[in-house]
PDB file of N, CA and C in Angstrom:
ATOM      1  N   MET A   1       9.561 -10.687   9.454  1.00  0.00           N
ATOM      2  CA  MET A   1       8.240 -11.333   9.688  1.00  0.00           C
ATOM      3  C   MET A   1       7.745 -12.261   8.675  1.00  0.00           C
ATOM      4  N   THR A   2       7.213 -13.258   8.952  1.00  0.00           N
ATOM      5  CA  THR A   2       6.609 -14.223   8.085  1.00  0.00           C
ATOM      6  C   THR A   2       4.959 -13.978   7.643  1.00  0.00           C
ATOM      7  N   LEU A   3       4.749 -14.091   6.149  1.00  0.00           N
ATOM      8  CA  LEU A   3       3.295 -13.705   6.102  1.00  0.00           C
ATOM      9  C   LEU A   3       2.539 -15.069   6.297  1.00  0.00           C
ATOM     10  N   THR A   4       1.587 -14.954   7.011  1.00  0.00           N
ATOM     11  CA  THR A   4       0.415 -16.050   6.962  1.00  0.00           C
ATOM     12  C   THR A   4      -0.783 -15.663   6.108  1.00  0.00           C
ATOM     13  N   ALA A   5      -1.729 -16.948   6.439  1.00  0.00           N
ATOM     14  CA  ALA A   5      -3.120 -16.796   5.099  1.00  0.00           C
ATOM     15  C   ALA A   5      -3.773 -15.602   6.015  1.00  0.00           C
ATOM     16  N   GLU A   6      -3.532 -15.256   7.217  1.00  0.00           N
ATOM     17  CA  GLU A   6      -4.871 -13.850   7.613  1.00  0.00           C
ATOM     18  C   GLU A   6      -4.038 -12.487   7.325  1.00  0.00           C
ATOM     19  N   ALA A   7      -5.080 -12.156   7.003  1.00  0.00           N
ATOM     20  CA  ALA A   7      -4.625 -10.633   6.724  1.00  0.00           C
ATOM     21  C   ALA A   7      -3.730  -9.941   7.902  1.00  0.00           C
ATOM     22  N   ILE A   8      -3.011  -8.956   7.121  1.00  0.00           N
ATOM     23  CA  ILE A   8      -2.362  -8.123   8.203  1.00  0.00           C
ATOM     24  C   ILE A   8      -2.550  -6.885   8.101  1.00  0.00           C
ATOM     25  N   HIS A   9      -2.693  -6.219   9.013  1.00  0.00           N
ATOM     26  CA  HIS A   9      -3.150  -4.583   9.032  1.00  0.00           C
ATOM     27  C   HIS A   9      -2.102  -3.926   9.888  1.00  0.00           C
ATOM     28  N   THR A  10      -1.910  -2.954   9.079  1.00  0.00           N
ATOM     29  CA  THR A  10      -0.483  -1.945   9.406  1.00  0.00           C
ATOM     30  C   THR A  10      -0.660  -0.597   9.179  1.00  0.00           C
ATOM     31  N   LEU A  11       0.175   0.125   9.490  1.00  0.00           N
ATOM     32  CA  LEU A  11       0.644   1.397   8.683  1.00  0.00           C
ATOM     33  C   LEU A  11       1.949   1.552   8.554  1.00  0.00           C
ATOM     34  N   ASP A  12       2.456   0.827   8.452  1.00  0.00           N
ATOM     35  CA  ASP A  12       4.192   0.776   8.173  1.00  0.00           C
ATOM     36  C   ASP A  12       4.513   1.545   7.069  1.00  0.00           C
ATOM     37  N   GLU A  13       5.469   2.299   7.301  1.00  0.00           N
ATOM     38  CA  GLU A  13       5.821   2.992   5.848  1.00  0.00           C
ATOM     39  C   GLU A  13       6.448   1.886   5.127  1.00  0.00           C
ATOM     40  N   ILE A  14       6.165   2.106   3.518  1.00  0.00           N
ATOM     41  CA  ILE A  14       6.794   1.171   2.177  1.00  0.00           C
ATOM     42  C   ILE A  14       7.558   2.201   1.343  1.00  0.00           C
ATOM     43  N   ALA A  15       7.884   1.597   0.639  1.00  0.00           N
ATOM     44  CA  ALA A  15       8.249   1.920  -0.762  1.00  0.00           C
ATOM     45  C   ALA A  15       7.604   1.673  -1.850  1.00  0.00           C
ATOM     46  N   VAL A  16       7.206   2.400  -2.754  1.00  0.00           N
ATOM     47  CA  VAL A  16       6.310   1.853  -3.850  1.00  0.00           C
ATOM     48  C   VAL A  16       6.812   2.587  -5.069  1.00  0.00           C
ATOM     49  N   ARG A  17       7.368   1.882  -6.203  1.00  0.00           N
ATOM     50  CA  ARG A  17       7.757   2.070  -7.330  1.00  0.00           C
ATOM     51  C   ARG A  17       6.921   2.256  -8.348  1.00  0.00           C
ATOM     52  N   PHE A  18       6.896   3.181  -9.123  1.00  0.00           N
ATOM     53  CA  PHE A  18       6.045   3.573 -10.177  1.00  0.00           C
ATOM     54  C   PHE A  18       6.346   3.378 -11.537  1.00  0.00           C
ATOM     55  N   SER A  19       5.703   3.193 -12.476  1.00  0.00           N
ATOM     56  CA  SER A  19       5.878   3.166 -14.121  1.00  0.00           C
ATOM     57  C   SER A  19       5.888   4.776 -14.367  1.00  0.00           C
ATOM     58  N   PRO A  20       6.716   5.486 -15.354  1.00  0.00           N
ATOM     59  CA  PRO A  20       6.329   6.763 -15.830  1.00  0.00           C
ATOM     60  C   PRO A  20       4.990   7.218 -16.016  1.00  0.00           C
ATOM     61  N   GLY A  21       4.179   6.146 -16.093  1.00  0.00           N
ATOM     62  CA  GLY A  21       2.856   6.606 -16.578  1.00  0.00           C
ATOM     63  C   GLY A  21       1.943   6.591 -15.248  1.00  0.00           C
ATOM     64  N   GLY A  22       2.592   6.070 -14.305  1.00  0.00           N
ATOM     65  CA  GLY A  22       1.949   6.378 -12.537  1.00  0.00           C
ATOM     66  C   GLY A  22       1.035   4.756 -12.268  1.00  0.00           C
ATOM     67  N   THR A  23       1.898   3.898 -12.811  1.00  0.00           N
ATOM     68  CA  THR A  23       1.070   2.514 -12.459  1.00  0.00           C
ATOM     69  C   THR A  23       2.159   1.568 -11.590  1.00  0.00           C
ATOM     70  N   PRO A  24       1.659   1.251 -10.294  1.00  0.00           N
ATOM     71  CA  PRO A  24       2.718   0.618  -9.349  1.00  0.00           C
ATOM     72  C   PRO A  24       3.353  -0.484 -10.464  1.00  0.00           C
ATOM     73  N   LEU A  25       4.760  -0.486 -10.045  1.00  0.00           N
ATOM     74  CA  LEU A  25       5.499  -1.670 -10.521  1.00  0.00           C
ATOM     75  C   LEU A  25       5.763  -2.571  -9.269  1.00  0.00           C
ATOM     76  N   ALA A  26       6.133  -2.208  -8.132  1.00  0.00           N
ATOM     77  CA  ALA A  26       6.828  -3.010  -7.305  1.00  0.00           C
ATOM     78  C   ALA A  26       6.579  -2.216  -5.874  1.00  0.00           C
ATOM     79  N   VAL A  27       6.487  -3.387  -4.747  1.00  0.00           N
ATOM     80  CA  VAL A  27       6.512  -2.620  -3.310  1.00  0.00           C
ATOM     81  C   VAL A  27       7.592  -3.066  -2.436  1.00  0.00           C
ATOM     82  N   ARG A  28       8.407  -2.351  -1.933  1.00  0.00           N
ATOM     83  CA  ARG A  28       9.424  -3.404  -0.984  1.00  0.00           C
ATOM     84  C   ARG A  28       8.651  -2.946   0.450  1.00  0.00           C
ATOM     85  N   TYR A  29       8.454  -4.447   1.222  1.00  0.00           N
ATOM     86  CA  TYR A  29       7.827  -4.552   2.045  1.00  0.00           C
ATOM     87  C   TYR A  29       8.870  -5.646   2.739  1.00  0.00           C
ATOM     88  N   ASP A  30       9.108  -5.387   4.011  1.00  0.00           N
ATOM     89  CA  ASP A  30       9.800  -6.589   5.067  1.00  0.00           C
ATOM     90  C   ASP A  30      11.106  -6.663   4.248  1.00  0.00           C
ATOM     91  N   GLY A  31      11.748  -5.819   3.820  1.00  0.00           N
ATOM     92  CA  GLY A  31      13.162  -6.357   3.339  1.00  0.00           C
ATOM     93  C   GLY A  31      13.212  -6.709   1.684  1.00  0.00           C
ATOM     94  N   ALA A  32      11.878  -7.035   1.275  1.00  0.00           N
ATOM     95  CA  ALA A  32      12.033  -7.735  -0.129  1.00  0.00           C
ATOM     96  C   ALA A  32      11.167  -6.803  -0.925  1.00  0.00           C
ATOM     97  N   ILE A  33      11.272  -7.240  -2.051  1.00  0.00           N
ATOM     98  CA  ILE A  33      10.823  -6.753  -3.193  1.00  0.00           C
ATOM     99  C   ILE A  33       9.967  -7.353  -3.614  1.00  0.00           C
ATOM    100  N   TRP A  34       8.297  -6.626  -3.767  1.00  0.00           N
ATOM    101  CA  TRP A  34       7.075  -7.577  -4.421  1.00  0.00           C
ATOM    102  C   TRP A  34       7.048  -6.990  -5.671  1.00  0.00           C
ATOM    103  N   ALA A  35       7.327  -7.724  -6.772  1.00  0.00           N
ATOM    104  CA  ALA A  35       6.819  -7.378  -7.787  1.00  0.00           C
ATOM    105  C   ALA A  35       5.026  -7.182  -8.257  1.00  0.00           C
ATOM    106  N   VAL A  36       4.690  -6.331  -8.675  1.00  0.00           N
ATOM    107  CA  VAL A  36       3.237  -6.124  -8.867  1.00  0.00           C
ATOM    108  C   VAL A  36       2.850  -6.997 -10.367  1.00  0.00           C
ATOM    109  N   ASP A  37       2.032  -8.091 -10.254  1.00  0.00           N
ATOM    110  CA  ASP A  37       1.710  -8.838 -11.107  1.00  0.00           C
ATOM    111  C   ASP A  37       0.752  -7.911 -12.379  1.00  0.00           C
ATOM    112  N   PRO A  38       1.538  -7.399 -13.793  1.00  0.00           N
ATOM    113  CA  PRO A  38       0.783  -6.967 -14.445  1.00  0.00           C
ATOM    114  C   PRO A  38      -0.316  -7.168 -15.156  1.00  0.00           C
ATOM    115  N   ASP A  39      -0.672  -8.960 -14.848  1.00  0.00           N
ATOM    116  CA  ASP A  39      -1.794  -9.124 -15.407  1.00  0.00           C
ATOM    117  C   ASP A  39      -3.127  -8.979 -14.501  1.00  0.00           C
ATOM    118  N   ALA A  40      -2.775  -8.756 -12.991  1.00  0.00           N
ATOM    119  CA  ALA A  40      -3.822  -8.711 -12.185  1.00  0.00           C
ATOM    120  C   ALA A  40      -4.231  -7.177 -12.375  1.00  0.00           C
ATOM    121  N   ASP A  41      -5.483  -6.902 -12.092  1.00  0.00           N
ATOM    122  CA  ASP A  41      -6.144  -5.576 -12.188  1.00  0.00           C
ATOM    123  C   ASP A  41      -5.675  -5.033 -10.830  1.00  0.00           C
ATOM    124  N   ALA A  42      -5.075  -3.655 -11.102  1.00  0.00           N
ATOM    125  CA  ALA A  42      -5.158  -2.862  -9.633  1.00  0.00           C
ATOM    126  C   ALA A  42      -5.960  -2.180  -9.257  1.00  0.00           C
ATOM    127  N   VAL A  43      -6.373  -1.877  -8.583  1.00  0.00           N
ATOM    128  CA  VAL A  43      -7.599  -0.744  -8.103  1.00  0.00           C
ATOM    129  C   VAL A  43      -7.266   0.392  -7.548  1.00  0.00           C
ATOM    130  N   HIS A  44      -7.516   1.590  -8.046  1.00  0.00           N
ATOM    131  CA  HIS A  44      -6.934   2.750  -7.513  1.00  0.00           C
ATOM    132  C   HIS A  44      -8.184   3.947  -6.913  1.00  0.00           C
ATOM    133  N   TRP A  45      -8.197   4.421  -6.101  1.00  0.00           N
ATOM    134  CA  TRP A  45      -9.205   5.640  -5.705  1.00  0.00           C
ATOM    135  C   TRP A  45      -8.861   6.324  -4.891  1.00  0.00           C
ATOM    136  N   LEU A  46      -9.260   7.790  -4.672  1.00  0.00           N
ATOM    137  CA  LEU A  46      -9.038   8.666  -3.714  1.00  0.00           C
ATOM    138  C   LEU A  46     -10.031   8.924  -2.815  1.00  0.00           C
ATOM    139  N   GLY A  47     -10.164   9.016  -1.426  1.00  0.00           N
ATOM    140  CA  GLY A  47     -10.931   9.215  -0.670  1.00  0.00           C
ATOM    141  C   GLY A  47     -10.339  10.073   0.861  1.00  0.00           C
ATOM    142  N   HIS A  48     -10.924   9.683   1.825  1.00  0.00           N
ATOM    143  CA  HIS A  48     -10.769  10.244   3.201  1.00  0.00           C
ATOM    144  C   HIS A  48     -10.740   9.249   4.030  1.00  0.00           C
ATOM    145  N   GLU A  49     -11.845   8.121   3.696  1.00  0.00           N
ATOM    146  CA  GLU A  49     -11.572   7.269   4.582  1.00  0.00           C
ATOM    147  C   GLU A  49     -10.487   6.125   4.797  1.00  0.00           C
ATOM    148  N   GLY A  50     -10.430   5.587   5.655  1.00  0.00           N
ATOM    149  CA  GLY A  50      -9.244   4.446   5.650  1.00  0.00           C
ATOM    150  C   GLY A  50      -7.796   5.008   6.115  1.00  0.00           C
ATOM    151  N   TRP A  51      -7.595   6.077   6.328  1.00  0.00           N
ATOM    152  CA  TRP A  51      -6.339   7.009   6.938  1.00  0.00           C
ATOM    153  C   TRP A  51      -6.530   6.879   8.339  1.00  0.00           C
ATOM    154  N   GLN A  52      -5.552   5.931   9.142  1.00  0.00           N
ATOM    155  CA  GLN A  52      -5.116   6.352  10.453  1.00  0.00           C
ATOM    156  C   GLN A  52      -4.218   7.145  10.339  1.00  0.00           C
ATOM    157  N   ASP A  53      -4.230   8.062  11.407  1.00  0.00           N
ATOM    158  CA  ASP A  53      -3.454   9.181  11.655  1.00  0.00           C
ATOM    159  C   ASP A  53      -1.917   8.587  12.228  1.00  0.00           C
ATOM    160  N   ARG A  54      -1.040   9.152  11.617  1.00  0.00           N
ATOM    161  CA  ARG A  54       0.679   8.816  12.129  1.00  0.00           C
ATOM    162  C   ARG A  54       0.848   9.762  13.088  1.00  0.00           C
ATOM    163  N   GLY A  55       0.340  10.581  13.870  1.00  0.00           N
ATOM    164  CA  GLY A  55       0.802  11.516  14.723  1.00  0.00           C
ATOM    165  C   GLY A  55       0.695  12.972  14.705  1.00  0.00           C
ATOM    166  N   ASP A  56       0.482  13.028  13.218  1.00  0.00           N
ATOM    167  CA  ASP A  56       0.702  14.575  12.583  1.00  0.00           C
ATOM    168  C   ASP A  56      -0.519  15.484  13.121  1.00  0.00           C
ATOM    169  N   ALA A  57      -1.758  15.034  12.467  1.00  0.00           N
ATOM    170  CA  ALA A  57      -2.806  15.806  12.928  1.00  0.00           C
ATOM    171  C   ALA A  57      -3.103  15.648  14.742  1.00  0.00           C
ATOM    172  N   ALA A  58      -2.917  14.597  15.091  1.00  0.00           N
ATOM    173  CA  ALA A  58      -3.113  14.575  16.280  1.00  0.00           C
ATOM    174  C   ALA A  58      -2.293  15.291  17.344  1.00  0.00           C
ATOM    175  N   ALA A  59      -1.050  15.522  16.713  1.00  0.00           N
ATOM    176  CA  ALA A  59      -0.177  16.402  17.555  1.00  0.00           C
ATOM    177  C   ALA A  59      -0.560  17.823  17.585  1.00  0.00           C
ATOM    178  N   THR A  60      -1.278  18.535  16.429  1.00  0.00           N
ATOM    179  CA  THR A  60      -1.901  19.828  16.324  1.00  0.00           C
ATOM    180  C   THR A  60      -3.313  19.840  16.812  1.00  0.00           C
ATOM    181  N   GLY A  61      -4.037  18.497  17.014  1.00  0.00           N
ATOM    182  CA  GLY A  61      -5.179  18.567  17.333  1.00  0.00           C
ATOM    183  C   GLY A  61      -6.107  19.030  16.051  1.00  0.00           C
ATOM    184  N   HIS A  62      -5.898  19.107  14.724  1.00  0.00           N
ATOM    185  CA  HIS A  62      -6.721  19.411  13.694  1.00  0.00           C
ATOM    186  C   HIS A  62      -6.902  18.139  12.886  1.00  0.00           C
ATOM    187  N   GLU A  63      -7.921  17.866  12.275  1.00  0.00           N
ATOM    188  CA  GLU A  63      -8.020  17.155  11.250  1.00  0.00           C
ATOM    189  C   GLU A  63      -7.350  17.291   9.998  1.00  0.00           C
ATOM    190  N   ASP A  64      -6.599  16.691   9.474  1.00  0.00           N
ATOM    191  CA  ASP A  64      -6.214  16.851   8.074  1.00  0.00           C
ATOM    192  C   ASP A  64      -6.949  16.236   6.970  1.00  0.00           C
ATOM    193  N   PRO A  65      -7.529  17.563   6.064  1.00  0.00           N
ATOM    194  CA  PRO A  65      -8.411  17.287   4.989  1.00  0.00           C
ATOM    195  C   PRO A  65      -7.942  16.824   3.651  1.00  0.00           C
ATOM    196  N   ALA A  66      -6.692  16.445   3.879  1.00  0.00           N
ATOM    197  CA  ALA A  66      -5.984  16.024   2.434  1.00  0.00           C
ATOM    198  C   ALA A  66      -6.617  14.637   2.005  1.00  0.00           C
ATOM    199  N   PRO A  67      -6.932  14.648   0.746  1.00  0.00           N
ATOM    200  CA  PRO A  67      -7.216  13.495   0.374  1.00  0.00           C
ATOM    201  C   PRO A  67      -6.354  12.218   0.449  1.00  0.00           C
ATOM    202  N   VAL A  68      -6.981  10.990   0.474  1.00  0.00           N
ATOM    203  CA  VAL A  68      -5.971   9.818   0.696  1.00  0.00           C
ATOM    204  C   VAL A  68      -5.913   9.187  -0.803  1.00  0.00           C
ATOM    205  N   GLU A  69      -4.886   8.981  -1.280  1.00  0.00           N
ATOM    206  CA  GLU A  69      -4.581   7.827  -2.492  1.00  0.00           C
ATOM    207  C   GLU A  69      -4.694   6.641  -2.064  1.00  0.00           C
ATOM    208  N   HIS A  70      -5.349   5.301  -2.633  1.00  0.00           N
ATOM    209  CA  HIS A  70      -5.594   3.974  -2.301  1.00  0.00           C
ATOM    210  C   HIS A  70      -4.885   3.731  -3.594  1.00  0.00           C
ATOM    211  N   TRP A  71      -4.371   2.395  -3.378  1.00  0.00           N
ATOM    212  CA  TRP A  71      -4.237   1.415  -4.324  1.00  0.00           C
ATOM    213  C   TRP A  71      -4.148   0.172  -3.772  1.00  0.00           C
ATOM    214  N   ARG A  72      -5.044  -0.786  -4.375  1.00  0.00           N
ATOM    215  CA  ARG A  72      -5.425  -1.998  -4.089  1.00  0.00           C
ATOM    216  C   ARG A  72      -4.252  -2.942  -5.430  1.00  0.00           C
ATOM    217  N   LEU A  73      -3.456  -3.689  -4.827  1.00  0.00           N
ATOM    218  CA  LEU A  73      -2.645  -4.325  -5.866  1.00  0.00           C
ATOM    219  C   LEU A  73      -2.183  -5.646  -5.598  1.00  0.00           C
ATOM    220  N   GLN A  74      -1.864  -6.735  -6.284  1.00  0.00           N
ATOM    221  CA  GLN A  74      -1.421  -8.110  -6.339  1.00  0.00           C
ATOM    222  C   GLN A  74      -0.029  -8.044  -6.558  1.00  0.00           C
ATOM    223  N   ALA A  75       0.878  -8.582  -6.007  1.00  0.00           N
ATOM    224  CA  ALA A  75       2.088  -8.480  -6.228  1.00  0.00           C
ATOM    225  C   ALA A  75       2.760 -10.199  -5.558  1.00  0.00           C
ATOM    226  N   ARG A  76       3.774 -10.197  -6.100  1.00  0.00           N
ATOM    227  CA  ARG A  76       4.434 -11.698  -5.632  1.00  0.00           C
ATOM    228  C   ARG A  76       6.018 -11.411  -5.794  1.00  0.00           C
ATOM    229  N   LEU A  77       6.857 -12.334  -5.044  1.00  0.00           N
ATOM    230  CA  LEU A  77       8.055 -12.157  -4.569  1.00  0.00           C
ATOM    231  C   LEU A  77       9.118 -12.693  -5.739  1.00  0.00           C
ATOM    232  N   ASN A  78       8.414 -13.742  -6.352  1.00  0.00           N
ATOM    233  CA  ASN A  78       9.362 -14.375  -7.765  1.00  0.00           C
ATOM    234  C   ASN A  78       7.999 -14.916  -8.734  1.00  0.00           C
ATOM    235  N   SER A  79       8.486 -15.541  -9.700  1.00  0.00           N
ATOM    236  CA  SER A  79       7.517 -15.935 -10.396  1.00  0.00           C
ATOM    237  C   SER A  79       6.705 -17.460  -9.842  1.00  0.00           C
ATOM    238  N   GLY A  80       7.631 -17.815  -9.080  1.00  0.00           N
ATOM    239  CA  GLY A  80       6.907 -19.117  -8.402  1.00  0.00           C
ATOM    240  C   GLY A  80       5.803 -18.877  -7.221  1.00  0.00           C
ATOM    241  N   SER A  81       6.084 -17.587  -6.610  1.00  0.00           N
ATOM    242  CA  SER A  81       5.431 -17.673  -5.287  1.00  0.00           C
ATOM    243  C   SER A  81       3.907 -17.198  -5.504  1.00  0.00           C
ATOM    244  N   ALA A  82       2.968 -17.424  -4.671  1.00  0.00           N
ATOM    245  CA  ALA A  82       1.980 -17.156  -4.596  1.00  0.00           C
ATOM    246  C   ALA A  82       1.732 -15.374  -4.494  1.00  0.00           C
ATOM    247  N   LEU A  83       0.705 -15.123  -4.889  1.00  0.00           N
ATOM    248  CA  LEU A  83       0.286 -13.479  -5.294  1.00  0.00           C
ATOM    249  C   LEU A  83      -0.407 -13.277  -3.819  1.00  0.00           C
ATOM    250  N   ARG A  84       0.001 -12.166  -3.380  1.00  0.00           N
ATOM    251  CA  ARG A  84      -0.499 -11.409  -2.261  1.00  0.00           C
ATOM    252  C   ARG A  84      -1.177 -10.063  -2.520  1.00  0.00           C
ATOM    253  N   THR A  85      -2.131  -9.671  -1.938  1.00  0.00           N
ATOM    254  CA  THR A  85      -2.873  -8.439  -2.147  1.00  0.00           C
ATOM    255  C   THR A  85      -2.510  -7.520  -1.261  1.00  0.00           C
ATOM    256  N   PHE A  86      -1.907  -6.163  -1.596  1.00  0.00           N
ATOM    257  CA  PHE A  86      -1.425  -5.183  -0.856  1.00  0.00           C
ATOM    258  C   PHE A  86      -2.203  -4.035  -0.919  1.00  0.00           C
ATOM    259  N   HIS A  87      -2.588  -3.521  -0.081  1.00  0.00           N
ATOM    260  CA  HIS A  87      -3.854  -2.091   0.184  1.00  0.00           C
ATOM    261  C   HIS A  87      -2.380  -1.030   0.729  1.00  0.00           C
ATOM    262  N   VAL A  88      -2.162  -0.182  -0.343  1.00  0.00           N
ATOM    263  CA  VAL A  88      -1.001   0.993   0.275  1.00  0.00           C
ATOM    264  C   VAL A  88      -1.851   2.268  -0.057  1.00  0.00           C
ATOM    265  N   GLN A  89      -1.427   3.145   0.829  1.00  0.00           N
ATOM    266  CA  GLN A  89      -2.199   4.542   0.766  1.00  0.00           C
ATOM    267  C   GLN A  89      -1.019   5.614   1.263  1.00  0.00           C
ATOM    268  N   ARG A  90      -1.530   6.904   0.506  1.00  0.00           N
ATOM    269  CA  ARG A  90      -0.557   8.166   1.198  1.00  0.00           C
ATOM    270  C   ARG A  90      -1.685   9.246   0.891  1.00  0.00           C
ATOM    271  N   LYS A  91      -1.339  10.155   2.097  1.00  0.00           N
ATOM    272  CA  LYS A  91      -1.967  11.452   2.089  1.00  0.00           C
ATOM    273  C   LYS A  91      -1.518  12.196   0.720  1.00  0.00           C
ATOM    274  N   LEU A  92      -2.358  12.820  -0.190  1.00  0.00           N
ATOM    275  CA  LEU A  92      -1.859  13.123  -1.708  1.00  0.00           C
ATOM    276  C   LEU A  92      -0.916  14.598  -1.436  1.00  0.00           C
ATOM    277  N   ARG A  93      -0.706  15.064  -0.413  1.00  0.00           N
ATOM    278  CA  ARG A  93       0.013  16.013  -0.316  1.00  0.00           C
ATOM    279  C   ARG A  93       1.592  15.356   0.230  1.00  0.00           C
ATOM    280  N   SER A  94       1.568  14.132   0.419  1.00  0.00           N
ATOM    281  CA  SER A  94       3.040  13.361   1.023  1.00  0.00           C
ATOM    282  C   SER A  94       3.678  12.520  -0.242  1.00  0.00           C
ATOM    283  N   THR A  95       4.918  12.212   0.082  1.00  0.00           N
ATOM    284  CA  THR A  95       5.376  11.373  -0.730  1.00  0.00           C
ATOM    285  C   THR A  95       5.728   9.928   0.069  1.00  0.00           C
ATOM    286  N   ARG A  96       5.171   9.769   1.337  1.00  0.00           N
ATOM    287  CA  ARG A  96       5.752   8.719   1.778  1.00  0.00           C
ATOM    288  C   ARG A  96       4.227   7.817   1.898  1.00  0.00           C
ATOM    289  N   TRP A  97       4.294   6.514   1.502  1.00  0.00           N
ATOM    290  CA  TRP A  97       3.518   5.593   1.336  1.00  0.00           C
ATOM    291  C   TRP A  97       3.428   4.659   2.404  1.00  0.00           C
ATOM    292  N   PHE A  98       2.280   3.893   2.992  1.00  0.00           N
ATOM    293  CA  PHE A  98       1.749   3.255   3.992  1.00  0.00           C
ATOM    294  C   PHE A  98       1.052   1.945   3.632  1.00  0.00           C
ATOM    295  N   LEU A  99       1.522   1.135   4.267  1.00  0.00           N
ATOM    296  CA  LEU A  99       0.674  -0.257   4.128  1.00  0.00           C
ATOM    297  C   LEU A  99      -0.255  -0.467   4.731  1.00  0.00           C
ATOM    298  N   ALA A 100      -1.273  -0.310   4.147  1.00  0.00           N
ATOM    299  CA  ALA A 100      -2.477  -0.190   5.161  1.00  0.00           C
ATOM    300  C   ALA A 100      -3.055  -1.805   5.267  1.00  0.00           C
ATOM    301  N   GLY A 101      -2.653  -2.676   4.594  1.00  0.00           N
ATOM    302  CA  GLY A 101      -3.051  -4.013   4.870  1.00  0.00           C
ATOM    303  C   GLY A 101      -2.494  -5.359   3.618  1.00  0.00           C
ATOM    304  N   ILE A 102      -2.261  -6.382   4.087  1.00  0.00           N
ATOM    305  CA  ILE A 102      -1.573  -7.372   3.061  1.00  0.00           C
ATOM    306  C   ILE A 102      -2.564  -8.460   3.695  1.00  0.00           C
ATOM    307  N   SER A 103      -2.957  -9.440   2.379  1.00  0.00           N
ATOM    308  CA  SER A 103      -3.579 -10.876   2.783  1.00  0.00           C
ATOM    309  C   SER A 103      -3.315 -11.612   1.363  1.00  0.00           C
ATOM    310  N   ASP A 104      -3.760 -12.674   1.501  1.00  0.00           N
ATOM    311  CA  ASP A 104      -3.792 -13.540   0.254  1.00  0.00           C
ATOM    312  C   ASP A 104      -4.339 -13.341  -0.582  1.00  0.00           C
ATOM    313  N   ALA A 105      -4.052 -13.311  -2.001  1.00  0.00           N
ATOM    314  CA  ALA A 105      -4.750 -12.806  -3.044  1.00  0.00           C
ATOM    315  C   ALA A 105      -5.880 -13.652  -3.258  1.00  0.00           C
ATOM    316  N   SER A 106      -7.200 -13.256  -3.649  1.00  0.00           N
ATOM    317  CA  SER A 106      -8.264 -13.987  -4.168  1.00  0.00           C
ATOM    318  C   SER A 106      -8.902 -13.734  -5.138  1.00  0.00           C
TER     319      SER A 106
END
């Protein structure tokens, strides 16, 4: 998939690599590794909103009350590429990360 200037909204499963202190270092997306810019401010929050069900709660007919961890971070493919903003999220009880959106950094 080629990234374009408009925002991409998805909930594809992705890999997120963290430092021992819990700071995101890189995102593996679409077969490439995007390095998180250490100079850009990453935004981290917990909430219930923004989670689109992947079938687990819908299959049982029950809403999952688990909080959702969100990160909004800026990353690039290499030192010469443009920054992109990634919104990644996971349910706190899960180790699986999902890409909620990607857009040009602003």
